[in-house]
């Protein structure tokens, strides 16, 4: 197993253990917890969206060789879909901007979910098509909100 995957798995186990230990030490609260954003949007983009999207582009540059690679690609796509869910919790303040934001965040979630399904089915052609659609969704949002970042997953192939 490559060192990156070992570190990634160790980090997930550590985070999970921390959540479990803190969950048992806190008293039960009445009512459902309220969803509220805690991280800045820029951090979500730099920490979740960008590294997972770049890793997927590298992974899908050629057909993944084994089930483990496909499972990892599926996991990265699902993290991107969940990033879309997190972005839905952070709409801009104006109504016009909010409508566009919600649509773009929903598109991210939809296209990343489609990519996860293609990776789960080990369908290389569909996975690459879904990654291209995901990149287009990202770029449309960035264009709408004047973010100077363009995502081109297959740029190195030209």
N, C-alpha and C. Protein backbone atom coordinates (compact mmCIF):
# COMPACT_ATOMS: atom_id res chain seq x y z
N UNK A 1 0.86 -1.17 0.00
CA UNK A 1 0.00 0.00 0.00
C UNK A 1 0.90 1.24 0.00
N UNK A 2 0.65 2.21 -0.90
CA UNK A 2 1.49 3.41 -0.97
C UNK A 2 1.44 4.20 0.35
N UNK A 3 2.54 4.89 0.70
CA UNK A 3 2.61 5.63 1.96
C UNK A 3 1.48 6.64 2.12
N UNK A 4 1.07 7.30 1.02
CA UNK A 4 0.00 8.29 1.11
C UNK A 4 -1.28 7.66 1.64
N UNK A 5 -1.60 6.49 1.15
CA UNK A 5 -2.83 5.83 1.59
C UNK A 5 -2.75 5.41 3.04
N UNK A 6 -1.55 5.00 3.47
CA UNK A 6 -1.37 4.62 4.88
C UNK A 6 -1.58 5.83 5.77
N UNK A 7 -0.97 6.96 5.40
CA UNK A 7 -1.14 8.18 6.20
C UNK A 7 -2.59 8.64 6.18
N UNK A 8 -3.24 8.56 5.03
CA UNK A 8 -4.63 8.96 4.90
C UNK A 8 -5.51 8.10 5.80
N UNK A 9 -5.30 6.79 5.76
CA UNK A 9 -6.08 5.87 6.60
C UNK A 9 -5.81 6.13 8.07
N UNK A 10 -4.54 6.36 8.44
CA UNK A 10 -4.20 6.63 9.84
C UNK A 10 -4.87 7.91 10.31
N UNK A 11 -4.89 8.93 9.46
CA UNK A 11 -5.53 10.20 9.83
C UNK A 11 -7.03 10.00 10.04
N UNK A 12 -7.66 9.24 9.16
CA UNK A 12 -9.10 8.99 9.32
C UNK A 12 -9.40 8.23 10.61
N UNK A 13 -8.58 7.24 10.92
CA UNK A 13 -8.78 6.47 12.15
C UNK A 13 -8.58 7.38 13.36
N UNK A 14 -7.55 8.21 13.32
CA UNK A 14 -7.30 9.13 14.43
C UNK A 14 -8.43 10.11 14.64
N UNK A 15 -8.93 10.67 13.55
CA UNK A 15 -10.04 11.63 13.65
C UNK A 15 -11.28 10.93 14.17
N UNK A 16 -11.53 9.74 13.66
CA UNK A 16 -12.70 8.98 14.12
C UNK A 16 -12.61 8.67 15.60
N UNK A 17 -11.43 8.28 16.06
CA UNK A 17 -11.24 7.99 17.48
C UNK A 17 -11.45 9.22 18.34
N UNK A 18 -10.98 10.36 17.86
CA UNK A 18 -11.17 11.60 18.62
C UNK A 18 -12.65 11.95 18.73
N UNK A 19 -13.39 11.77 17.63
CA UNK A 19 -14.82 12.06 17.67
C UNK A 19 -15.55 11.11 18.60
N UNK A 20 -15.19 9.84 18.56
CA UNK A 20 -15.86 8.86 19.42
C UNK A 20 -15.59 9.14 20.89
N UNK A 21 -14.32 9.47 21.23
CA UNK A 21 -14.01 9.72 22.63
C UNK A 21 -14.69 10.99 23.12
N UNK A 22 -14.77 12.02 22.28
CA UNK A 22 -15.44 13.26 22.71
C UNK A 22 -16.96 13.07 22.76
N UNK A 23 -17.49 12.21 21.91
CA UNK A 23 -18.94 11.98 21.91
C UNK A 23 -19.36 11.29 23.20
N UNK A 24 -18.53 10.40 23.72
CA UNK A 24 -18.87 9.69 24.95
C UNK A 24 -18.69 10.56 26.18
N UNK A 25 -17.86 11.59 26.09
CA UNK A 25 -17.58 12.42 27.26
C UNK A 25 -18.55 13.59 27.39
N UNK A 26 -19.36 13.86 26.37
CA UNK A 26 -20.27 14.98 26.43
C UNK A 26 -21.67 14.51 26.83
N UNK A 27 -22.36 15.32 27.63
CA UNK A 27 -23.72 14.94 28.00
C UNK A 27 -24.65 15.00 26.79
N UNK A 28 -25.70 14.21 26.81
CA UNK A 28 -26.67 14.22 25.72
C UNK A 28 -27.43 15.53 25.72
N UNK A 29 -27.69 16.05 24.54
CA UNK A 29 -28.45 17.30 24.39
C UNK A 29 -29.84 16.98 23.92
N UNK A 30 -30.76 17.84 24.28
CA UNK A 30 -32.13 17.69 23.80
C UNK A 30 -32.26 18.35 22.44
N UNK A 31 -33.06 17.76 21.57
CA UNK A 31 -33.29 18.31 20.24
C UNK A 31 -32.19 17.92 19.27
N UNK A 32 -32.47 18.15 18.02
CA UNK A 32 -31.51 17.82 16.97
C UNK A 32 -30.43 18.90 16.88
N UNK A 33 -29.20 18.49 16.60
CA UNK A 33 -28.16 19.51 16.44
C UNK A 33 -28.42 20.34 15.20
N UNK A 34 -28.05 21.59 15.27
CA UNK A 34 -28.24 22.51 14.15
C UNK A 34 -27.01 22.48 13.25
N UNK A 35 -27.24 22.43 11.95
CA UNK A 35 -26.13 22.51 11.00
C UNK A 35 -25.64 23.95 10.96
N UNK A 36 -24.35 24.12 11.13
CA UNK A 36 -23.78 25.45 11.00
C UNK A 36 -22.35 25.33 10.50
N UNK A 37 -22.00 26.19 9.54
CA UNK A 37 -20.65 26.13 9.00
C UNK A 37 -19.62 26.55 10.04
N UNK A 38 -18.48 25.90 10.05
CA UNK A 38 -17.42 26.27 10.97
C UNK A 38 -16.12 26.63 10.24
N UNK A 39 -15.93 26.13 9.04
CA UNK A 39 -14.71 26.42 8.26
C UNK A 39 -15.06 27.41 7.15
N UNK A 40 -14.06 28.17 6.76
CA UNK A 40 -14.25 29.12 5.66
C UNK A 40 -14.36 28.35 4.34
N UNK A 41 -15.07 28.95 3.40
CA UNK A 41 -15.22 28.34 2.08
C UNK A 41 -13.86 28.11 1.43
N UNK A 42 -12.97 29.06 1.55
CA UNK A 42 -11.64 28.93 0.96
C UNK A 42 -10.93 27.69 1.50
N UNK A 43 -11.08 27.41 2.79
CA UNK A 43 -10.46 26.23 3.39
C UNK A 43 -11.06 24.95 2.81
N UNK A 44 -12.37 24.94 2.59
CA UNK A 44 -13.01 23.76 1.98
C UNK A 44 -12.45 23.53 0.58
N UNK A 45 -12.27 24.60 -0.16
CA UNK A 45 -11.75 24.48 -1.51
C UNK A 45 -10.30 24.00 -1.51
N UNK A 46 -9.47 24.62 -0.67
CA UNK A 46 -8.05 24.28 -0.65
C UNK A 46 -7.78 22.95 0.04
N UNK A 47 -8.61 22.58 1.01
CA UNK A 47 -8.35 21.37 1.77
C UNK A 47 -9.10 20.13 1.31
N UNK A 48 -10.25 20.33 0.68
CA UNK A 48 -11.07 19.18 0.24
C UNK A 48 -11.20 19.12 -1.28
N UNK A 49 -11.75 20.16 -1.85
CA UNK A 49 -12.07 20.10 -3.29
C UNK A 49 -10.82 19.99 -4.15
N UNK A 50 -9.88 20.89 -3.97
CA UNK A 50 -8.72 20.93 -4.84
C UNK A 50 -7.87 19.66 -4.77
N UNK A 51 -7.47 19.20 -3.59
CA UNK A 51 -6.62 18.00 -3.58
C UNK A 51 -7.33 16.75 -4.10
N UNK A 52 -8.62 16.61 -3.81
CA UNK A 52 -9.34 15.42 -4.28
C UNK A 52 -9.56 15.49 -5.79
N UNK A 53 -9.86 16.67 -6.31
CA UNK A 53 -10.05 16.81 -7.75
C UNK A 53 -8.74 16.55 -8.50
N UNK A 54 -7.63 17.10 -7.99
CA UNK A 54 -6.34 16.88 -8.64
C UNK A 54 -5.93 15.41 -8.57
N UNK A 55 -6.18 14.77 -7.44
CA UNK A 55 -5.84 13.35 -7.31
C UNK A 55 -6.67 12.50 -8.26
N UNK A 56 -7.94 12.85 -8.42
CA UNK A 56 -8.79 12.11 -9.36
C UNK A 56 -8.29 12.28 -10.79
N UNK A 57 -7.86 13.47 -11.14
CA UNK A 57 -7.34 13.70 -12.49
C UNK A 57 -6.11 12.83 -12.73
N UNK A 58 -5.22 12.76 -11.75
CA UNK A 58 -4.03 11.90 -11.89
C UNK A 58 -4.43 10.44 -11.98
N UNK A 59 -5.36 10.05 -11.11
CA UNK A 59 -5.76 8.65 -11.06
C UNK A 59 -6.46 8.21 -12.34
N UNK A 60 -7.21 9.12 -12.96
CA UNK A 60 -7.96 8.77 -14.16
C UNK A 60 -7.23 9.14 -15.45
N UNK A 61 -5.97 9.53 -15.34
CA UNK A 61 -5.18 9.79 -16.54
C UNK A 61 -5.01 8.49 -17.33
N UNK A 62 -4.98 7.39 -16.61
CA UNK A 62 -4.97 6.05 -17.22
C UNK A 62 -5.96 5.21 -16.42
N UNK A 63 -6.42 4.14 -17.01
CA UNK A 63 -7.40 3.28 -16.33
C UNK A 63 -6.79 2.70 -15.06
N UNK A 64 -7.46 2.89 -13.91
CA UNK A 64 -6.95 2.30 -12.67
C UNK A 64 -6.78 0.78 -12.83
N UNK A 65 -5.70 0.28 -12.23
CA UNK A 65 -5.31 -1.10 -12.46
C UNK A 65 -6.00 -2.13 -11.57
N UNK A 66 -6.46 -1.72 -10.40
CA UNK A 66 -7.03 -2.72 -9.49
C UNK A 66 -8.22 -2.16 -8.72
N UNK A 67 -8.89 -3.04 -8.01
CA UNK A 67 -10.10 -2.68 -7.26
C UNK A 67 -9.80 -1.64 -6.18
N UNK A 68 -8.61 -1.73 -5.59
CA UNK A 68 -8.24 -0.77 -4.55
C UNK A 68 -8.16 0.65 -5.11
N UNK A 69 -7.59 0.80 -6.28
CA UNK A 69 -7.48 2.11 -6.91
C UNK A 69 -8.87 2.66 -7.26
N UNK A 70 -9.74 1.79 -7.76
CA UNK A 70 -11.11 2.22 -8.07
C UNK A 70 -11.84 2.63 -6.79
N UNK A 71 -11.65 1.89 -5.73
CA UNK A 71 -12.31 2.22 -4.45
C UNK A 71 -11.80 3.56 -3.92
N UNK A 72 -10.51 3.80 -4.08
CA UNK A 72 -9.94 5.06 -3.64
C UNK A 72 -10.50 6.22 -4.46
N UNK A 73 -10.62 6.03 -5.77
CA UNK A 73 -11.20 7.06 -6.64
C UNK A 73 -12.64 7.34 -6.24
N UNK A 74 -13.38 6.29 -5.95
CA UNK A 74 -14.77 6.45 -5.51
C UNK A 74 -14.81 7.29 -4.22
N UNK A 75 -13.93 6.98 -3.30
CA UNK A 75 -13.88 7.74 -2.04
C UNK A 75 -13.56 9.20 -2.25
N UNK A 76 -12.64 9.49 -3.14
CA UNK A 76 -12.30 10.89 -3.43
C UNK A 76 -13.49 11.61 -4.06
N UNK A 77 -14.20 10.93 -4.95
CA UNK A 77 -15.38 11.54 -5.57
C UNK A 77 -16.46 11.80 -4.52
N UNK A 78 -16.63 10.88 -3.59
CA UNK A 78 -17.63 11.08 -2.53
C UNK A 78 -17.24 12.24 -1.62
N UNK A 79 -15.95 12.42 -1.37
CA UNK A 79 -15.52 13.58 -0.59
C UNK A 79 -15.85 14.88 -1.32
N UNK A 80 -15.72 14.87 -2.64
CA UNK A 80 -16.12 16.05 -3.42
C UNK A 80 -17.63 16.27 -3.34
N UNK A 81 -18.41 15.19 -3.39
CA UNK A 81 -19.87 15.33 -3.26
C UNK A 81 -20.23 15.91 -1.90
N UNK A 82 -19.56 15.43 -0.86
CA UNK A 82 -19.83 15.97 0.48
C UNK A 82 -19.38 17.42 0.59
N UNK A 83 -18.35 17.79 -0.16
CA UNK A 83 -17.94 19.20 -0.20
C UNK A 83 -19.08 20.04 -0.76
N UNK A 84 -19.78 19.51 -1.77
CA UNK A 84 -20.96 20.21 -2.29
C UNK A 84 -22.00 20.41 -1.20
N UNK A 85 -22.21 19.39 -0.38
CA UNK A 85 -23.15 19.54 0.74
C UNK A 85 -22.70 20.63 1.71
N UNK A 86 -21.42 20.65 2.01
CA UNK A 86 -20.89 21.68 2.92
C UNK A 86 -21.03 23.08 2.31
N UNK A 87 -20.84 23.19 1.01
CA UNK A 87 -20.99 24.49 0.36
C UNK A 87 -22.43 24.97 0.38
N UNK A 88 -23.37 24.04 0.37
CA UNK A 88 -24.79 24.42 0.44
C UNK A 88 -25.12 25.12 1.77
N UNK A 89 -24.29 24.91 2.77
CA UNK A 89 -24.51 25.55 4.06
C UNK A 89 -23.92 26.96 4.13
N UNK A 90 -23.26 27.41 3.07
CA UNK A 90 -22.55 28.69 3.08
C UNK A 90 -22.98 29.62 1.96
N UNK A 91 -24.24 29.84 1.74
CA UNK A 91 -24.64 30.72 0.62
C UNK A 91 -24.25 32.17 0.88
N UNK A 92 -24.02 32.92 -0.20
CA UNK A 92 -23.76 34.36 -0.06
C UNK A 92 -24.99 35.07 0.53
N UNK A 93 -24.79 36.29 0.89
CA UNK A 93 -25.84 37.05 1.58
C UNK A 93 -26.96 37.56 0.66
N UNK A 94 -26.65 37.84 -0.62
CA UNK A 94 -27.68 38.39 -1.50
C UNK A 94 -28.50 37.27 -2.13
N UNK A 95 -29.76 37.53 -2.38
CA UNK A 95 -30.67 36.52 -2.92
C UNK A 95 -30.23 36.03 -4.31
N UNK A 96 -29.82 36.97 -5.16
CA UNK A 96 -29.38 36.60 -6.51
C UNK A 96 -28.16 35.70 -6.44
N UNK A 97 -27.19 36.08 -5.63
CA UNK A 97 -25.99 35.27 -5.47
C UNK A 97 -26.31 33.93 -4.81
N UNK A 98 -27.24 33.95 -3.87
CA UNK A 98 -27.60 32.71 -3.17
C UNK A 98 -28.18 31.68 -4.14
N UNK A 99 -29.04 32.12 -5.03
CA UNK A 99 -29.64 31.20 -6.00
C UNK A 99 -28.56 30.55 -6.88
N UNK A 100 -27.64 31.37 -7.36
CA UNK A 100 -26.56 30.84 -8.20
C UNK A 100 -25.68 29.89 -7.39
N UNK A 101 -25.35 30.29 -6.17
CA UNK A 101 -24.49 29.47 -5.30
C UNK A 101 -25.12 28.10 -5.05
N UNK A 102 -26.38 28.10 -4.70
CA UNK A 102 -27.06 26.84 -4.39
C UNK A 102 -27.10 25.94 -5.62
N UNK A 103 -27.32 26.52 -6.78
CA UNK A 103 -27.32 25.74 -8.01
C UNK A 103 -25.95 25.14 -8.31
N UNK A 104 -24.90 25.94 -8.16
CA UNK A 104 -23.55 25.46 -8.44
C UNK A 104 -23.11 24.40 -7.42
N UNK A 105 -23.42 24.63 -6.15
CA UNK A 105 -23.06 23.64 -5.12
C UNK A 105 -23.81 22.32 -5.36
N UNK A 106 -25.06 22.43 -5.76
CA UNK A 106 -25.83 21.23 -6.10
C UNK A 106 -25.25 20.51 -7.30
N UNK A 107 -24.78 21.27 -8.29
CA UNK A 107 -24.13 20.67 -9.47
C UNK A 107 -22.86 19.92 -9.07
N UNK A 108 -22.08 20.52 -8.18
CA UNK A 108 -20.86 19.85 -7.70
C UNK A 108 -21.23 18.51 -7.07
N UNK A 109 -22.20 18.53 -6.19
CA UNK A 109 -22.63 17.30 -5.52
C UNK A 109 -23.12 16.26 -6.53
N UNK A 110 -23.94 16.70 -7.48
CA UNK A 110 -24.50 15.78 -8.48
C UNK A 110 -23.41 15.15 -9.36
N UNK A 111 -22.51 15.97 -9.89
CA UNK A 111 -21.48 15.45 -10.79
C UNK A 111 -20.46 14.59 -10.03
N UNK A 112 -20.15 14.96 -8.80
CA UNK A 112 -19.23 14.14 -8.01
C UNK A 112 -19.87 12.80 -7.65
N UNK A 113 -21.16 12.80 -7.39
CA UNK A 113 -21.88 11.55 -7.10
C UNK A 113 -21.90 10.66 -8.33
N UNK A 114 -22.11 11.25 -9.50
CA UNK A 114 -22.08 10.48 -10.75
C UNK A 114 -20.69 9.88 -10.96
N UNK A 115 -19.67 10.64 -10.66
CA UNK A 115 -18.30 10.14 -10.77
C UNK A 115 -18.07 8.99 -9.79
N UNK A 116 -18.57 9.13 -8.58
CA UNK A 116 -18.42 8.05 -7.59
C UNK A 116 -19.11 6.77 -8.06
N UNK A 117 -20.27 6.92 -8.66
CA UNK A 117 -20.98 5.73 -9.18
C UNK A 117 -20.19 5.07 -10.30
N UNK A 118 -19.61 5.89 -11.20
CA UNK A 118 -18.82 5.33 -12.30
C UNK A 118 -17.57 4.63 -11.76
N UNK A 119 -16.93 5.22 -10.76
CA UNK A 119 -15.76 4.59 -10.16
C UNK A 119 -16.16 3.29 -9.45
N UNK A 120 -17.31 3.31 -8.78
CA UNK A 120 -17.80 2.10 -8.12
C UNK A 120 -18.07 0.99 -9.11
N UNK A 121 -18.49 1.36 -10.31
CA UNK A 121 -18.76 0.37 -11.36
C UNK A 121 -17.50 0.06 -12.18
N UNK A 122 -16.38 0.72 -11.84
CA UNK A 122 -15.10 0.54 -12.55
C UNK A 122 -15.24 0.84 -14.05
N UNK A 123 -16.04 1.86 -14.35
CA UNK A 123 -16.29 2.26 -15.73
C UNK A 123 -15.40 3.47 -16.06
N UNK A 124 -14.28 3.18 -16.70
CA UNK A 124 -13.28 4.20 -16.98
C UNK A 124 -13.82 5.32 -17.88
N UNK A 125 -14.52 4.98 -18.93
CA UNK A 125 -15.04 5.98 -19.86
C UNK A 125 -16.04 6.90 -19.16
N UNK A 126 -16.96 6.31 -18.40
CA UNK A 126 -17.95 7.12 -17.68
C UNK A 126 -17.31 7.95 -16.57
N UNK A 127 -16.30 7.39 -15.93
CA UNK A 127 -15.61 8.14 -14.87
C UNK A 127 -14.92 9.37 -15.44
N UNK A 128 -14.26 9.22 -16.57
CA UNK A 128 -13.60 10.37 -17.19
C UNK A 128 -14.62 11.40 -17.66
N UNK A 129 -15.72 10.94 -18.21
CA UNK A 129 -16.77 11.88 -18.65
C UNK A 129 -17.34 12.62 -17.43
N UNK A 130 -17.55 11.89 -16.35
CA UNK A 130 -18.08 12.52 -15.13
C UNK A 130 -17.08 13.52 -14.56
N UNK A 131 -15.79 13.20 -14.63
CA UNK A 131 -14.77 14.13 -14.15
C UNK A 131 -14.76 15.40 -15.00
N UNK A 132 -14.92 15.26 -16.30
CA UNK A 132 -15.00 16.43 -17.18
C UNK A 132 -16.22 17.28 -16.84
N UNK A 133 -17.36 16.64 -16.59
CA UNK A 133 -18.57 17.37 -16.19
C UNK A 133 -18.38 18.06 -14.84
N UNK A 134 -17.70 17.39 -13.94
CA UNK A 134 -17.40 17.98 -12.63
C UNK A 134 -16.53 19.22 -12.80
N UNK A 135 -15.50 19.12 -13.63
CA UNK A 135 -14.63 20.27 -13.87
C UNK A 135 -15.41 21.44 -14.47
N UNK A 136 -16.31 21.14 -15.40
CA UNK A 136 -17.13 22.20 -15.99
C UNK A 136 -18.01 22.86 -14.94
N UNK A 137 -18.57 22.07 -14.02
CA UNK A 137 -19.40 22.63 -12.96
C UNK A 137 -18.57 23.55 -12.06
N UNK A 138 -17.37 23.11 -11.72
CA UNK A 138 -16.47 23.94 -10.89
C UNK A 138 -16.16 25.25 -11.61
N UNK A 139 -15.82 25.15 -12.88
CA UNK A 139 -15.43 26.34 -13.63
C UNK A 139 -16.60 27.31 -13.82
N UNK A 140 -17.81 26.78 -14.00
CA UNK A 140 -18.98 27.69 -14.11
C UNK A 140 -19.17 28.46 -12.80
N UNK A 141 -19.02 27.79 -11.68
CA UNK A 141 -19.17 28.46 -10.39
C UNK A 141 -18.07 29.52 -10.22
N UNK A 142 -16.84 29.12 -10.50
CA UNK A 142 -15.74 30.07 -10.36
C UNK A 142 -15.93 31.28 -11.26
N UNK A 143 -16.45 31.06 -12.46
CA UNK A 143 -16.71 32.18 -13.36
C UNK A 143 -17.83 33.07 -12.79
N UNK A 144 -18.88 32.46 -12.28
CA UNK A 144 -19.99 33.24 -11.72
C UNK A 144 -19.55 34.12 -10.56
N UNK A 145 -18.65 33.58 -9.72
CA UNK A 145 -18.24 34.30 -8.52
C UNK A 145 -16.85 34.92 -8.65
N UNK A 146 -16.37 34.99 -9.91
CA UNK A 146 -15.10 35.65 -10.23
C UNK A 146 -13.93 35.11 -9.40
N UNK A 147 -13.86 33.81 -9.32
CA UNK A 147 -12.74 33.15 -8.66
C UNK A 147 -11.71 32.85 -9.74
N UNK A 148 -10.49 33.26 -9.53
CA UNK A 148 -9.46 33.13 -10.55
C UNK A 148 -8.82 31.76 -10.62
N UNK A 149 -9.58 30.71 -10.41
CA UNK A 149 -9.06 29.35 -10.47
C UNK A 149 -9.84 28.60 -11.54
N UNK A 150 -9.09 27.95 -12.44
CA UNK A 150 -9.72 27.12 -13.47
C UNK A 150 -9.23 25.70 -13.29
N UNK A 151 -10.15 24.77 -13.32
CA UNK A 151 -9.83 23.36 -13.13
C UNK A 151 -9.90 22.65 -14.48
N UNK A 152 -8.77 22.08 -14.90
CA UNK A 152 -8.68 21.35 -16.16
C UNK A 152 -8.04 19.99 -15.88
N UNK A 153 -8.87 18.98 -15.62
CA UNK A 153 -8.32 17.69 -15.19
C UNK A 153 -7.48 16.98 -16.24
N UNK A 154 -7.67 17.31 -17.51
CA UNK A 154 -6.95 16.60 -18.57
C UNK A 154 -5.99 17.54 -19.31
N UNK A 155 -5.62 18.63 -18.70
CA UNK A 155 -4.77 19.62 -19.33
C UNK A 155 -3.40 19.09 -19.72
N UNK A 156 -2.86 18.16 -18.93
CA UNK A 156 -1.53 17.61 -19.21
C UNK A 156 -1.54 16.64 -20.37
N UNK A 157 -2.71 16.22 -20.82
CA UNK A 157 -2.79 15.22 -21.87
C UNK A 157 -2.68 15.79 -23.27
N UNK A 158 -2.71 17.10 -23.38
CA UNK A 158 -2.68 17.74 -24.70
C UNK A 158 -1.29 17.93 -25.19
